[in-house]
Amino acid sequence: MAVLPQQNAGVTPPALLIHIELADAIRTLRESGQLAEAIAKCIEAQSLLPEYHLFPKLLADLYFQQGDYDSAFVALADFLAKIRPIPKLLA
């Protein structure tokens, strides 16, 4: 069972529930060896919830597991582009 985070800036609770349902569906497909279906579900999840960083990373992992390294690279680059820069502390 997934644990709900205390805070998730910019995301409404219904979106968070959808996120958990989609992530669980992707995990189930992946564990059962249905990689093509897991990839399709992950792409759907990305389009529904673009603010979540999890789905591009999952997509990269799935492509890599499938042996599609070019697509894995593109998905990983998408994941990295979504990471906000962390400001450096001034000493």
C-alpha atoms as a PDB file:
ATOM      1  CA  MET A   1       0.000   0.000   0.000  1.00  0.00           C
ATOM      2  CA  ALA A   2       1.313   3.433  -0.921  1.00  0.00           C
ATOM      3  CA  VAL A   3       1.877   6.068   1.735  1.00  0.00           C
ATOM      4  CA  LEU A   4       0.559   9.564   1.064  1.00  0.00           C
ATOM      5  CA  PRO A   5       3.163  12.300   1.515  1.00  0.00           C
ATOM      6  CA  GLN A   6       2.389  15.055   3.989  1.00  0.00           C
ATOM      7  CA  GLN A   7       2.941  17.834   1.456  1.00  0.00           C
ATOM      8  CA  ASN A   8       3.119  17.881  -2.326  1.00  0.00           C
ATOM      9  CA  ALA A   9       3.221  21.454  -3.574  1.00  0.00           C
ATOM     10  CA  GLY A  10       0.955  22.308  -6.476  1.00  0.00           C
ATOM     11  CA  VAL A  11      -0.922  19.006  -6.540  1.00  0.00           C
ATOM     12  CA  THR A  12      -4.475  18.508  -5.370  1.00  0.00           C
ATOM     13  CA  PRO A  13      -5.464  15.466  -3.315  1.00  0.00           C
ATOM     14  CA  PRO A  14      -7.542  13.920  -6.157  1.00  0.00           C
ATOM     15  CA  ALA A  15      -4.500  14.129  -8.437  1.00  0.00           C
ATOM     16  CA  LEU A  16      -2.439  12.478  -5.728  1.00  0.00           C
ATOM     17  CA  LEU A  17      -4.896   9.581  -5.569  1.00  0.00           C
ATOM     18  CA  ILE A  18      -4.782   9.225  -9.356  1.00  0.00           C
ATOM     19  CA  HIS A  19      -0.971   9.249  -9.134  1.00  0.00           C
ATOM     20  CA  ILE A  20      -1.003   6.400  -6.612  1.00  0.00           C
ATOM     21  CA  GLU A  21      -3.452   4.336  -8.671  1.00  0.00           C
ATOM     22  CA  LEU A  22      -1.423   4.799 -11.856  1.00  0.00           C
ATOM     23  CA  ALA A  23       1.875   4.039 -10.115  1.00  0.00           C
ATOM     24  CA  ASP A  24       0.395   0.843  -8.653  1.00  0.00           C
ATOM     25  CA  ALA A  25      -0.950  -0.209 -12.062  1.00  0.00           C
ATOM     26  CA  ILE A  26       2.447   0.394 -13.675  1.00  0.00           C
ATOM     27  CA  ARG A  27       4.189  -1.589 -10.922  1.00  0.00           C
ATOM     28  CA  THR A  28       1.770  -4.500 -11.324  1.00  0.00           C
ATOM     29  CA  LEU A  29       2.274  -4.581 -15.102  1.00  0.00           C
ATOM     30  CA  ARG A  30       6.039  -4.399 -14.726  1.00  0.00           C
ATOM     31  CA  GLU A  31       6.161  -7.164 -12.136  1.00  0.00           C
ATOM     32  CA  SER A  32       4.060  -9.416 -14.364  1.00  0.00           C
ATOM     33  CA  GLY A  33       6.477  -8.870 -17.271  1.00  0.00           C
ATOM     34  CA  GLN A  34       4.055  -6.804 -19.365  1.00  0.00           C
ATOM     35  CA  LEU A  35       6.592  -4.103 -20.203  1.00  0.00           C
ATOM     36  CA  ALA A  36       4.838  -2.761 -23.314  1.00  0.00           C
ATOM     37  CA  GLU A  37       1.633  -2.286 -21.333  1.00  0.00           C
ATOM     38  CA  ALA A  38       3.538  -0.707 -18.428  1.00  0.00           C
ATOM     39  CA  ILE A  39       5.191   1.721 -20.862  1.00  0.00           C
ATOM     40  CA  ALA A  40       1.814   2.652 -22.366  1.00  0.00           C
ATOM     41  CA  LYS A  41       0.350   3.209 -18.884  1.00  0.00           C
ATOM     42  CA  CYS A  42       3.362   5.314 -17.915  1.00  0.00           C
ATOM     43  CA  ILE A  43       2.976   7.503 -21.018  1.00  0.00           C
ATOM     44  CA  GLU A  44      -0.713   7.918 -20.140  1.00  0.00           C
ATOM     45  CA  ALA A  45       0.228   8.845 -16.571  1.00  0.00           C
ATOM     46  CA  GLN A  46       2.702  11.460 -17.821  1.00  0.00           C
ATOM     47  CA  SER A  47       0.036  13.115 -19.942  1.00  0.00           C
ATOM     48  CA  LEU A  48      -2.481  13.131 -17.083  1.00  0.00           C
ATOM     49  CA  LEU A  49      -0.074  14.324 -14.382  1.00  0.00           C
ATOM     50  CA  PRO A  50       2.847  16.161 -16.017  1.00  0.00           C
ATOM     51  CA  GLU A  51       3.815  17.809 -12.713  1.00  0.00           C
ATOM     52  CA  TYR A  52       4.950  14.492 -11.225  1.00  0.00           C
ATOM     53  CA  HIS A  53       8.616  13.597 -11.682  1.00  0.00           C
ATOM     54  CA  LEU A  54       8.091   9.896 -11.053  1.00  0.00           C
ATOM     55  CA  PHE A  55       6.601   8.933 -14.401  1.00  0.00           C
ATOM     56  CA  PRO A  56       9.457  10.086 -16.704  1.00  0.00           C
ATOM     57  CA  LYS A  57      11.913   8.224 -14.474  1.00  0.00           C
ATOM     58  CA  LEU A  58       9.752   5.101 -14.455  1.00  0.00           C
ATOM     59  CA  LEU A  59       9.438   5.365 -18.224  1.00  0.00           C
ATOM     60  CA  ALA A  60      13.226   5.545 -18.573  1.00  0.00           C
ATOM     61  CA  ASP A  61      13.597   2.476 -16.343  1.00  0.00           C
ATOM     62  CA  LEU A  62      10.991   0.548 -18.323  1.00  0.00           C
ATOM     63  CA  TYR A  63      12.575   1.391 -21.666  1.00  0.00           C
ATOM     64  CA  PHE A  64      15.980   0.386 -20.290  1.00  0.00           C
ATOM     65  CA  GLN A  65      14.585  -2.897 -18.981  1.00  0.00           C
ATOM     66  CA  GLN A  66      13.091  -3.541 -22.415  1.00  0.00           C
ATOM     67  CA  GLY A  67      16.448  -2.840 -24.081  1.00  0.00           C
ATOM     68  CA  ASP A  68      15.302   0.348 -25.846  1.00  0.00           C
ATOM     69  CA  TYR A  69      18.273   2.442 -24.745  1.00  0.00           C
ATOM     70  CA  ASP A  70      17.616   5.397 -27.054  1.00  0.00           C
ATOM     71  CA  SER A  71      14.098   5.884 -25.669  1.00  0.00           C
ATOM     72  CA  ALA A  72      15.421   5.347 -22.141  1.00  0.00           C
ATOM     73  CA  PHE A  73      17.932   8.157 -22.688  1.00  0.00           C
ATOM     74  CA  VAL A  74      15.217  10.539 -23.943  1.00  0.00           C
ATOM     75  CA  ALA A  75      12.903   9.706 -21.008  1.00  0.00           C
ATOM     76  CA  LEU A  76      15.754  10.147 -18.525  1.00  0.00           C
ATOM     77  CA  ALA A  77      16.624  13.532 -20.066  1.00  0.00           C
ATOM     78  CA  ASP A  78      12.948  14.521 -19.650  1.00  0.00           C
ATOM     79  CA  PHE A  79      13.103  13.449 -16.002  1.00  0.00           C
ATOM     80  CA  LEU A  80      16.289  15.440 -15.379  1.00  0.00           C
ATOM     81  CA  ALA A  81      14.837  18.532 -17.071  1.00  0.00           C
ATOM     82  CA  LYS A  82      11.946  18.533 -14.581  1.00  0.00           C
ATOM     83  CA  ILE A  83      14.216  18.770 -11.556  1.00  0.00           C
ATOM     84  CA  ARG A  84      14.242  22.292 -10.196  1.00  0.00           C
ATOM     85  CA  PRO A  85      17.664  23.753  -9.463  1.00  0.00           C
ATOM     86  CA  ILE A  86      18.580  24.016  -5.826  1.00  0.00           C
ATOM     87  CA  PRO A  87      19.940  27.432  -4.920  1.00  0.00           C
ATOM     88  CA  LYS A  88      23.417  27.411  -3.409  1.00  0.00           C
ATOM     89  CA  LEU A  89      23.654  28.585   0.158  1.00  0.00           C
ATOM     90  CA  LEU A  90      25.619  31.738   0.720  1.00  0.00           C
ATOM     91  CA  ALA A  91      28.315  31.415   3.354  1.00  0.00           C
END
